[in-house]
Amino acid sequence: MKDKAGHSGTKAGHVPNCPSDKAGQDGTPPYRVSQVSRLSQKLASIHCIDELYGFANRRKVLGIYDENVIPKWTDEEVALIVERKFELQKLAAKGKRK
């Protein structure tokens, strides 16, 4: 089964039907599940490696390193970003995207 972002039904790629869907049952706070869902949707809307680079490295690109302003990505979020990077690289190799 694939979620809205096209990821297989792994925990990292899980997009809940509603913000409270299983939130907290595995120890994950509801707000974090919601943020991962929003991240999956954002990543699905990115179709260019350069745009993904700017998004993934937003702290470096913007020159803002204060974690209160722009927090670091969690391991789960990094996994989603890297997965999208590989998807875009595959598409580029096939000549479908730059």
PDB file of N, CA and C in Angstrom:
ATOM      1  N   MET A   1       0.838  -1.179   0.000  1.00  0.00           N
ATOM      2  CA  MET A   1       0.000   0.000   0.000  1.00  0.00           C
ATOM      3  C   MET A   1       0.884   1.243   0.000  1.00  0.00           C
ATOM      4  N   LYS A   2       0.540   2.220  -0.804  1.00  0.00           N
ATOM      5  CA  LYS A   2       1.350   3.434  -0.890  1.00  0.00           C
ATOM      6  C   LYS A   2       0.583   4.601  -0.283  1.00  0.00           C
ATOM      7  N   ASP A   3       1.339   5.472   0.391  1.00  0.00           N
ATOM      8  CA  ASP A   3       0.692   6.642   0.970  1.00  0.00           C
ATOM      9  C   ASP A   3       0.620   7.759  -0.069  1.00  0.00           C
ATOM     10  N   LYS A   4       0.177   8.922   0.345  1.00  0.00           N
ATOM     11  CA  LYS A   4      -0.028  10.051  -0.570  1.00  0.00           C
ATOM     12  C   LYS A   4       1.251  10.500  -1.258  1.00  0.00           C
ATOM     13  N   ALA A   5       2.394  10.269  -0.641  1.00  0.00           N
ATOM     14  CA  ALA A   5       3.665  10.698  -1.223  1.00  0.00           C
ATOM     15  C   ALA A   5       4.284   9.606  -2.083  1.00  0.00           C
ATOM     16  N   GLY A   6       3.602   8.457  -2.219  1.00  0.00           N
ATOM     17  CA  GLY A   6       4.107   7.389  -3.044  1.00  0.00           C
ATOM     18  C   GLY A   6       5.081   6.469  -2.337  1.00  0.00           C
ATOM     19  N   HIS A   7       5.208   6.604  -1.044  1.00  0.00           N
ATOM     20  CA  HIS A   7       6.107   5.761  -0.282  1.00  0.00           C
ATOM     21  C   HIS A   7       5.380   4.486   0.095  1.00  0.00           C
ATOM     22  N   SER A   8       6.120   3.387   0.240  1.00  0.00           N
ATOM     23  CA  SER A   8       5.500   2.164   0.719  1.00  0.00           C
ATOM     24  C   SER A   8       5.087   2.375   2.163  1.00  0.00           C
ATOM     25  N   GLY A   9       4.314   1.494   2.695  1.00  0.00           N
ATOM     26  CA  GLY A   9       3.725   1.661   4.019  1.00  0.00           C
ATOM     27  C   GLY A   9       4.696   1.517   5.163  1.00  0.00           C
ATOM     28  N   THR A  10       5.866   2.042   5.052  1.00  0.00           N
ATOM     29  CA  THR A  10       6.815   1.994   6.152  1.00  0.00           C
ATOM     30  C   THR A  10       6.453   3.047   7.181  1.00  0.00           C
ATOM     31  N   LYS A  11       6.993   2.887   8.360  1.00  0.00           N
ATOM     32  CA  LYS A  11       6.711   3.850   9.418  1.00  0.00           C
ATOM     33  C   LYS A  11       7.168   5.250   9.026  1.00  0.00           C
ATOM     34  N   ALA A  12       8.338   5.350   8.399  1.00  0.00           N
ATOM     35  CA  ALA A  12       8.868   6.668   8.025  1.00  0.00           C
ATOM     36  C   ALA A  12       8.015   7.329   6.963  1.00  0.00           C
ATOM     37  N   GLY A  13       7.402   6.544   6.072  1.00  0.00           N
ATOM     38  CA  GLY A  13       6.604   7.113   5.004  1.00  0.00           C
ATOM     39  C   GLY A  13       5.123   7.151   5.309  1.00  0.00           C
ATOM     40  N   HIS A  14       4.741   6.859   6.545  1.00  0.00           N
ATOM     41  CA  HIS A  14       3.333   6.780   6.910  1.00  0.00           C
ATOM     42  C   HIS A  14       2.668   8.143   6.893  1.00  0.00           C
ATOM     43  N   VAL A  15       1.556   8.209   6.187  1.00  0.00           N
ATOM     44  CA  VAL A  15       0.749   9.424   6.199  1.00  0.00           C
ATOM     45  C   VAL A  15      -0.579   9.056   6.845  1.00  0.00           C
ATOM     46  N   PRO A  16      -0.840   9.555   8.022  1.00  0.00           N
ATOM     47  CA  PRO A  16      -2.063   9.187   8.721  1.00  0.00           C
ATOM     48  C   PRO A  16      -3.309   9.774   8.063  1.00  0.00           C
ATOM     49  N   ASN A  17      -4.440   9.118   8.280  1.00  0.00           N
ATOM     50  CA  ASN A  17      -5.715   9.618   7.753  1.00  0.00           C
ATOM     51  C   ASN A  17      -6.155  10.868   8.494  1.00  0.00           C
ATOM     52  N   CYS A  18      -5.761  10.981   9.729  1.00  0.00           N
ATOM     53  CA  CYS A  18      -6.057  12.167  10.517  1.00  0.00           C
ATOM     54  C   CYS A  18      -4.913  12.356  11.508  1.00  0.00           C
ATOM     55  N   PRO A  19      -4.755  13.553  12.060  1.00  0.00           N
ATOM     56  CA  PRO A  19      -3.622  13.803  12.953  1.00  0.00           C
ATOM     57  C   PRO A  19      -3.527  12.870  14.146  1.00  0.00           C
ATOM     58  N   SER A  20      -4.644  12.299  14.592  1.00  0.00           N
ATOM     59  CA  SER A  20      -4.593  11.432  15.766  1.00  0.00           C
ATOM     60  C   SER A  20      -4.433   9.965  15.403  1.00  0.00           C
ATOM     61  N   ASP A  21      -4.335   9.629  14.108  1.00  0.00           N
ATOM     62  CA  ASP A  21      -4.216   8.246  13.663  1.00  0.00           C
ATOM     63  C   ASP A  21      -2.954   7.604  14.224  1.00  0.00           C
ATOM     64  N   LYS A  22      -3.125   6.763  15.240  1.00  0.00           N
ATOM     65  CA  LYS A  22      -2.037   6.028  15.881  1.00  0.00           C
ATOM     66  C   LYS A  22      -0.987   6.927  16.526  1.00  0.00           C
ATOM     67  N   ALA A  23      -1.220   8.196  16.571  1.00  0.00           N
ATOM     68  CA  ALA A  23      -0.263   9.109  17.196  1.00  0.00           C
ATOM     69  C   ALA A  23      -0.156   8.778  18.669  1.00  0.00           C
ATOM     70  N   GLY A  24       1.052   8.643  19.128  1.00  0.00           N
ATOM     71  CA  GLY A  24       1.280   8.378  20.532  1.00  0.00           C
ATOM     72  C   GLY A  24       1.264   6.910  20.903  1.00  0.00           C
ATOM     73  N   GLN A  25       0.683   6.032  20.098  1.00  0.00           N
ATOM     74  CA  GLN A  25       0.616   4.616  20.428  1.00  0.00           C
ATOM     75  C   GLN A  25       1.989   3.972  20.419  1.00  0.00           C
ATOM     76  N   ASP A  26       2.873   4.447  19.575  1.00  0.00           N
ATOM     77  CA  ASP A  26       4.230   3.913  19.536  1.00  0.00           C
ATOM     78  C   ASP A  26       5.212   4.847  20.230  1.00  0.00           C
ATOM     79  N   GLY A  27       4.702   5.807  20.974  1.00  0.00           N
ATOM     80  CA  GLY A  27       5.552   6.756  21.679  1.00  0.00           C
ATOM     81  C   GLY A  27       5.830   8.019  20.891  1.00  0.00           C
ATOM     82  N   THR A  28       5.363   8.080  19.637  1.00  0.00           N
ATOM     83  CA  THR A  28       5.576   9.261  18.809  1.00  0.00           C
ATOM     84  C   THR A  28       4.538  10.317  19.177  1.00  0.00           C
ATOM     85  N   PRO A  29       4.957  11.528  19.513  1.00  0.00           N
ATOM     86  CA  PRO A  29       3.998  12.578  19.842  1.00  0.00           C
ATOM     87  C   PRO A  29       3.119  12.899  18.635  1.00  0.00           C
ATOM     88  N   PRO A  30       1.853  13.231  18.836  1.00  0.00           N
ATOM     89  CA  PRO A  30       0.954  13.545  17.721  1.00  0.00           C
ATOM     90  C   PRO A  30       1.473  14.649  16.813  1.00  0.00           C
ATOM     91  N   TYR A  31       2.103  15.675  17.371  1.00  0.00           N
ATOM     92  CA  TYR A  31       2.600  16.758  16.529  1.00  0.00           C
ATOM     93  C   TYR A  31       3.713  16.272  15.609  1.00  0.00           C
ATOM     94  N   ARG A  32       4.520  15.308  16.040  1.00  0.00           N
ATOM     95  CA  ARG A  32       5.620  14.803  15.212  1.00  0.00           C
ATOM     96  C   ARG A  32       5.057  13.970  14.055  1.00  0.00           C
ATOM     97  N   VAL A  33       4.032  13.182  14.285  1.00  0.00           N
ATOM     98  CA  VAL A  33       3.401  12.410  13.209  1.00  0.00           C
ATOM     99  C   VAL A  33       2.843  13.374  12.171  1.00  0.00           C
ATOM    100  N   SER A  34       2.210  14.437  12.621  1.00  0.00           N
ATOM    101  CA  SER A  34       1.649  15.433  11.722  1.00  0.00           C
ATOM    102  C   SER A  34       2.747  16.109  10.913  1.00  0.00           C
ATOM    103  N   GLN A  35       3.878  16.424  11.535  1.00  0.00           N
ATOM    104  CA  GLN A  35       4.977  17.075  10.832  1.00  0.00           C
ATOM    105  C   GLN A  35       5.564  16.162   9.765  1.00  0.00           C
ATOM    106  N   VAL A  36       5.671  14.860  10.050  1.00  0.00           N
ATOM    107  CA  VAL A  36       6.193  13.916   9.067  1.00  0.00           C
ATOM    108  C   VAL A  36       5.227  13.824   7.897  1.00  0.00           C
ATOM    109  N   SER A  37       3.937  13.852   8.183  1.00  0.00           N
ATOM    110  CA  SER A  37       2.933  13.828   7.122  1.00  0.00           C
ATOM    111  C   SER A  37       3.073  15.055   6.232  1.00  0.00           C
ATOM    112  N   ARG A  38       3.223  16.222   6.821  1.00  0.00           N
ATOM    113  CA  ARG A  38       3.400  17.456   6.052  1.00  0.00           C
ATOM    114  C   ARG A  38       4.693  17.417   5.256  1.00  0.00           C
ATOM    115  N   LEU A  39       5.741  16.851   5.836  1.00  0.00           N
ATOM    116  CA  LEU A  39       7.011  16.736   5.135  1.00  0.00           C
ATOM    117  C   LEU A  39       6.863  15.828   3.915  1.00  0.00           C
ATOM    118  N   SER A  40       6.175  14.712   4.073  1.00  0.00           N
ATOM    119  CA  SER A  40       5.948  13.803   2.939  1.00  0.00           C
ATOM    120  C   SER A  40       5.218  14.512   1.809  1.00  0.00           C
ATOM    121  N   GLN A  41       4.231  15.310   2.155  1.00  0.00           N
ATOM    122  CA  GLN A  41       3.483  16.065   1.145  1.00  0.00           C
ATOM    123  C   GLN A  41       4.380  17.102   0.476  1.00  0.00           C
ATOM    124  N   LYS A  42       5.202  17.784   1.237  1.00  0.00           N
ATOM    125  CA  LYS A  42       6.112  18.781   0.686  1.00  0.00           C
ATOM    126  C   LYS A  42       7.119  18.116  -0.251  1.00  0.00           C
ATOM    127  N   LEU A  43       7.688  17.007   0.176  1.00  0.00           N
ATOM    128  CA  LEU A  43       8.674  16.311  -0.651  1.00  0.00           C
ATOM    129  C   LEU A  43       8.060  15.822  -1.959  1.00  0.00           C
ATOM    130  N   ALA A  44       6.816  15.396  -1.916  1.00  0.00           N
ATOM    131  CA  ALA A  44       6.137  14.939  -3.130  1.00  0.00           C
ATOM    132  C   ALA A  44       5.949  16.086  -4.122  1.00  0.00           C
ATOM    133  N   SER A  45       5.914  17.308  -3.630  1.00  0.00           N
ATOM    134  CA  SER A  45       5.725  18.472  -4.503  1.00  0.00           C
ATOM    135  C   SER A  45       7.038  18.982  -5.101  1.00  0.00           C
ATOM    136  N   ILE A  46       8.153  18.433  -4.671  1.00  0.00           N
ATOM    137  CA  ILE A  46       9.467  18.838  -5.184  1.00  0.00           C
ATOM    138  C   ILE A  46       9.843  17.931  -6.350  1.00  0.00           C
ATOM    139  N   HIS A  47      10.169  18.553  -7.496  1.00  0.00           N
ATOM    140  CA  HIS A  47      10.454  17.787  -8.706  1.00  0.00           C
ATOM    141  C   HIS A  47      11.829  18.085  -9.282  1.00  0.00           C
ATOM    142  N   CYS A  48      12.708  18.706  -8.504  1.00  0.00           N
ATOM    143  CA  CYS A  48      14.015  19.122  -8.998  1.00  0.00           C
ATOM    144  C   CYS A  48      15.048  18.919  -7.881  1.00  0.00           C
ATOM    145  N   ILE A  49      16.186  18.341  -8.230  1.00  0.00           N
ATOM    146  CA  ILE A  49      17.246  18.092  -7.246  1.00  0.00           C
ATOM    147  C   ILE A  49      17.701  19.395  -6.583  1.00  0.00           C
ATOM    148  N   ASP A  50      17.810  20.466  -7.362  1.00  0.00           N
ATOM    149  CA  ASP A  50      18.259  21.738  -6.790  1.00  0.00           C
ATOM    150  C   ASP A  50      17.280  22.270  -5.756  1.00  0.00           C
ATOM    151  N   GLU A  51      15.995  22.146  -6.029  1.00  0.00           N
ATOM    152  CA  GLU A  51      14.986  22.583  -5.067  1.00  0.00           C
ATOM    153  C   GLU A  51      15.058  21.724  -3.808  1.00  0.00           C
ATOM    154  N   LEU A  52      15.239  20.416  -3.990  1.00  0.00           N
ATOM    155  CA  LEU A  52      15.355  19.520  -2.840  1.00  0.00           C
ATOM    156  C   LEU A  52      16.586  19.885  -2.009  1.00  0.00           C
ATOM    157  N   TYR A  53      17.694  20.205  -2.684  1.00  0.00           N
ATOM    158  CA  TYR A  53      18.913  20.607  -1.974  1.00  0.00           C
ATOM    159  C   TYR A  53      18.648  21.842  -1.105  1.00  0.00           C
ATOM    160  N   GLY A  54      18.004  22.842  -1.683  1.00  0.00           N
ATOM    161  CA  GLY A  54      17.716  24.064  -0.938  1.00  0.00           C
ATOM    162  C   GLY A  54      16.810  23.818   0.256  1.00  0.00           C
ATOM    163  N   PHE A  55      15.833  22.937   0.060  1.00  0.00           N
ATOM    164  CA  PHE A  55      14.908  22.609   1.135  1.00  0.00           C
ATOM    165  C   PHE A  55      15.612  21.803   2.225  1.00  0.00           C
ATOM    166  N   ALA A  56      16.348  20.771   1.811  1.00  0.00           N
ATOM    167  CA  ALA A  56      17.008  19.888   2.779  1.00  0.00           C
ATOM    168  C   ALA A  56      18.104  20.609   3.562  1.00  0.00           C
ATOM    169  N   ASN A  57      18.781  21.540   2.914  1.00  0.00           N
ATOM    170  CA  ASN A  57      19.888  22.268   3.542  1.00  0.00           C
ATOM    171  C   ASN A  57      19.491  23.705   3.845  1.00  0.00           C
ATOM    172  N   ARG A  58      18.275  23.897   4.252  1.00  0.00           N
ATOM    173  CA  ARG A  58      17.709  25.233   4.452  1.00  0.00           C
ATOM    174  C   ARG A  58      18.511  26.070   5.438  1.00  0.00           C
ATOM    175  N   ARG A  59      19.059  25.439   6.461  1.00  0.00           N
ATOM    176  CA  ARG A  59      19.845  26.183   7.455  1.00  0.00           C
ATOM    177  C   ARG A  59      21.092  26.773   6.811  1.00  0.00           C
ATOM    178  N   LYS A  60      21.771  25.968   6.001  1.00  0.00           N
ATOM    179  CA  LYS A  60      22.986  26.416   5.319  1.00  0.00           C
ATOM    180  C   LYS A  60      22.656  27.459   4.257  1.00  0.00           C
ATOM    181  N   VAL A  61      21.620  27.187   3.467  1.00  0.00           N
ATOM    182  CA  VAL A  61      21.229  28.090   2.378  1.00  0.00           C
ATOM    183  C   VAL A  61      20.829  29.455   2.921  1.00  0.00           C
ATOM    184  N   LEU A  62      20.074  29.456   4.005  1.00  0.00           N
ATOM    185  CA  LEU A  62      19.601  30.711   4.590  1.00  0.00           C
ATOM    186  C   LEU A  62      20.608  31.331   5.559  1.00  0.00           C
ATOM    187  N   GLY A  63      21.611  30.559   5.972  1.00  0.00           N
ATOM    188  CA  GLY A  63      22.597  31.066   6.921  1.00  0.00           C
ATOM    189  C   GLY A  63      22.043  31.230   8.320  1.00  0.00           C
ATOM    190  N   ILE A  64      21.042  30.431   8.657  1.00  0.00           N
ATOM    191  CA  ILE A  64      20.418  30.489   9.983  1.00  0.00           C
ATOM    192  C   ILE A  64      20.686  29.164  10.685  1.00  0.00           C
ATOM    193  N   TYR A  65      21.471  29.205  11.747  1.00  0.00           N
ATOM    194  CA  TYR A  65      21.851  27.977  12.433  1.00  0.00           C
ATOM    195  C   TYR A  65      21.230  27.853  13.820  1.00  0.00           C
ATOM    196  N   ASP A  66      20.397  28.802  14.182  1.00  0.00           N
ATOM    197  CA  ASP A  66      19.724  28.782  15.483  1.00  0.00           C
ATOM    198  C   ASP A  66      18.623  27.722  15.450  1.00  0.00           C
ATOM    199  N   GLU A  67      18.748  26.693  16.292  1.00  0.00           N
ATOM    200  CA  GLU A  67      17.766  25.608  16.312  1.00  0.00           C
ATOM    201  C   GLU A  67      16.388  26.060  16.791  1.00  0.00           C
ATOM    202  N   ASN A  68      16.305  27.202  17.453  1.00  0.00           N
ATOM    203  CA  ASN A  68      15.002  27.727  17.860  1.00  0.00           C
ATOM    204  C   ASN A  68      14.256  28.326  16.674  1.00  0.00           C
ATOM    205  N   VAL A  69      15.004  28.743  15.657  1.00  0.00           N
ATOM    206  CA  VAL A  69      14.402  29.330  14.461  1.00  0.00           C
ATOM    207  C   VAL A  69      14.147  28.245  13.424  1.00  0.00           C
ATOM    208  N   ILE A  70      15.187  27.477  13.107  1.00  0.00           N
ATOM    209  CA  ILE A  70      15.077  26.380  12.148  1.00  0.00           C
ATOM    210  C   ILE A  70      15.696  25.144  12.791  1.00  0.00           C
ATOM    211  N   PRO A  71      14.870  24.225  13.302  1.00  0.00           N
ATOM    212  CA  PRO A  71      15.415  23.042  13.962  1.00  0.00           C
ATOM    213  C   PRO A  71      16.069  22.087  12.965  1.00  0.00           C
ATOM    214  N   LYS A  72      16.991  21.276  13.463  1.00  0.00           N
ATOM    215  CA  LYS A  72      17.621  20.263  12.624  1.00  0.00           C
ATOM    216  C   LYS A  72      16.589  19.187  12.278  1.00  0.00           C
ATOM    217  N   TRP A  73      16.828  18.507  11.146  1.00  0.00           N
ATOM    218  CA  TRP A  73      15.949  17.411  10.751  1.00  0.00           C
ATOM    219  C   TRP A  73      16.147  16.236  11.711  1.00  0.00           C
ATOM    220  N   THR A  74      15.067  15.505  11.987  1.00  0.00           N
ATOM    221  CA  THR A  74      15.173  14.275  12.772  1.00  0.00           C
ATOM    222  C   THR A  74      15.693  13.177  11.851  1.00  0.00           C
ATOM    223  N   ASP A  75      16.104  12.053  12.422  1.00  0.00           N
ATOM    224  CA  ASP A  75      16.570  10.928  11.612  1.00  0.00           C
ATOM    225  C   ASP A  75      15.477  10.446  10.659  1.00  0.00           C
ATOM    226  N   GLU A  76      14.248  10.433  11.120  1.00  0.00           N
ATOM    227  CA  GLU A  76      13.109  10.003  10.303  1.00  0.00           C
ATOM    228  C   GLU A  76      12.912  10.964   9.123  1.00  0.00           C
ATOM    229  N   GLU A  77      13.030  12.250   9.383  1.00  0.00           N
ATOM    230  CA  GLU A  77      12.886  13.251   8.326  1.00  0.00           C
ATOM    231  C   GLU A  77      14.023  13.158   7.310  1.00  0.00           C
ATOM    232  N   VAL A  78      15.237  12.931   7.800  1.00  0.00           N
ATOM    233  CA  VAL A  78      16.387  12.771   6.907  1.00  0.00           C
ATOM    234  C   VAL A  78      16.167  11.574   5.984  1.00  0.00           C
ATOM    235  N   ALA A  79      15.643  10.485   6.530  1.00  0.00           N
ATOM    236  CA  ALA A  79      15.379   9.286   5.720  1.00  0.00           C
ATOM    237  C   ALA A  79      14.390   9.589   4.599  1.00  0.00           C
ATOM    238  N   LEU A  80      13.349  10.358   4.890  1.00  0.00           N
ATOM    239  CA  LEU A  80      12.373  10.740   3.863  1.00  0.00           C
ATOM    240  C   LEU A  80      13.013  11.614   2.784  1.00  0.00           C
ATOM    241  N   ILE A  81      13.851  12.545   3.198  1.00  0.00           N
ATOM    242  CA  ILE A  81      14.521  13.447   2.250  1.00  0.00           C
ATOM    243  C   ILE A  81      15.466  12.662   1.342  1.00  0.00           C
ATOM    244  N   VAL A  82      16.228  11.761   1.921  1.00  0.00           N
ATOM    245  CA  VAL A  82      17.164  10.951   1.137  1.00  0.00           C
ATOM    246  C   VAL A  82      16.399  10.044   0.170  1.00  0.00           C
ATOM    247  N   GLU A  83      15.295   9.495   0.624  1.00  0.00           N
ATOM    248  CA  GLU A  83      14.467   8.653  -0.251  1.00  0.00           C
ATOM    249  C   GLU A  83      13.975   9.458  -1.457  1.00  0.00           C
ATOM    250  N   ARG A  84      13.541  10.689  -1.234  1.00  0.00           N
ATOM    251  CA  ARG A  84      13.079  11.544  -2.337  1.00  0.00           C
ATOM    252  C   ARG A  84      14.234  11.890  -3.269  1.00  0.00           C
ATOM    253  N   LYS A  85      15.413  12.104  -2.703  1.00  0.00           N
ATOM    254  CA  LYS A  85      16.600  12.392  -3.519  1.00  0.00           C
ATOM    255  C   LYS A  85      16.862  11.239  -4.482  1.00  0.00           C
ATOM    256  N   PHE A  86      16.809  10.013  -3.978  1.00  0.00           N
ATOM    257  CA  PHE A  86      17.037   8.848  -4.833  1.00  0.00           C
ATOM    258  C   PHE A  86      15.962   8.736  -5.909  1.00  0.00           C
ATOM    259  N   GLU A  87      14.712   9.040  -5.552  1.00  0.00           N
ATOM    260  CA  GLU A  87      13.626   9.011  -6.543  1.00  0.00           C
ATOM    261  C   GLU A  87      13.894  10.015  -7.661  1.00  0.00           C
ATOM    262  N   LEU A  88      14.295  11.221  -7.299  1.00  0.00           N
ATOM    263  CA  LEU A  88      14.576  12.254  -8.303  1.00  0.00           C
ATOM    264  C   LEU A  88      15.788  11.888  -9.157  1.00  0.00           C
ATOM    265  N   GLN A  89      16.795  11.268  -8.551  1.00  0.00           N
ATOM    266  CA  GLN A  89      17.959  10.845  -9.319  1.00  0.00           C
ATOM    267  C   GLN A  89      17.591   9.759 -10.322  1.00  0.00           C
ATOM    268  N   LYS A  90      16.705   8.848  -9.927  1.00  0.00           N
ATOM    269  CA  LYS A  90      16.234   7.811 -10.851  1.00  0.00           C
ATOM    270  C   LYS A  90      15.504   8.439 -12.029  1.00  0.00           C
ATOM    271  N   LEU A  91      14.635   9.396 -11.734  1.00  0.00           N
ATOM    272  CA  LEU A  91      13.891  10.073 -12.804  1.00  0.00           C
ATOM    273  C   LEU A  91      14.841  10.813 -13.738  1.00  0.00           C
ATOM    274  N   ALA A  92      15.861  11.445 -13.174  1.00  0.00           N
ATOM    275  CA  ALA A  92      16.833  12.179 -13.995  1.00  0.00           C
ATOM    276  C   ALA A  92      17.617  11.224 -14.888  1.00  0.00           C
ATOM    277  N   ALA A  93      17.948  10.056 -14.344  1.00  0.00           N
ATOM    278  CA  ALA A  93      18.694   9.058 -15.114  1.00  0.00           C
ATOM    279  C   ALA A  93      17.870   8.540 -16.293  1.00  0.00           C
ATOM    280  N   LYS A  94      16.564   8.519 -16.123  1.00  0.00           N
ATOM    281  CA  LYS A  94      15.675   8.077 -17.187  1.00  0.00           C
ATOM    282  C   LYS A  94      15.386   9.216 -18.173  1.00  0.00           C
ATOM    283  N   GLY A  95      15.877  10.414 -17.850  1.00  0.00           N
ATOM    284  CA  GLY A  95      15.676  11.564 -18.733  1.00  0.00           C
ATOM    285  C   GLY A  95      14.344  12.263 -18.587  1.00  0.00           C
ATOM    286  N   LYS A  96      13.643  11.978 -17.483  1.00  0.00           N
ATOM    287  CA  LYS A  96      12.315  12.571 -17.277  1.00  0.00           C
ATOM    288  C   LYS A  96      12.372  13.923 -16.580  1.00  0.00           C
ATOM    289  N   ARG A  97      13.394  14.141 -15.772  1.00  0.00           N
ATOM    290  CA  ARG A  97      13.512  15.390 -15.004  1.00  0.00           C
ATOM    291  C   ARG A  97      14.973  15.811 -14.981  1.00  0.00           C
ATOM    292  N   LYS A  98      15.198  17.087 -14.691  1.00  0.00           N
ATOM    293  CA  LYS A  98      16.556  17.586 -14.514  1.00  0.00           C
ATOM    294  C   LYS A  98      16.955  17.490 -13.076  1.00  0.00           C
TER     295      LYS A  98
END
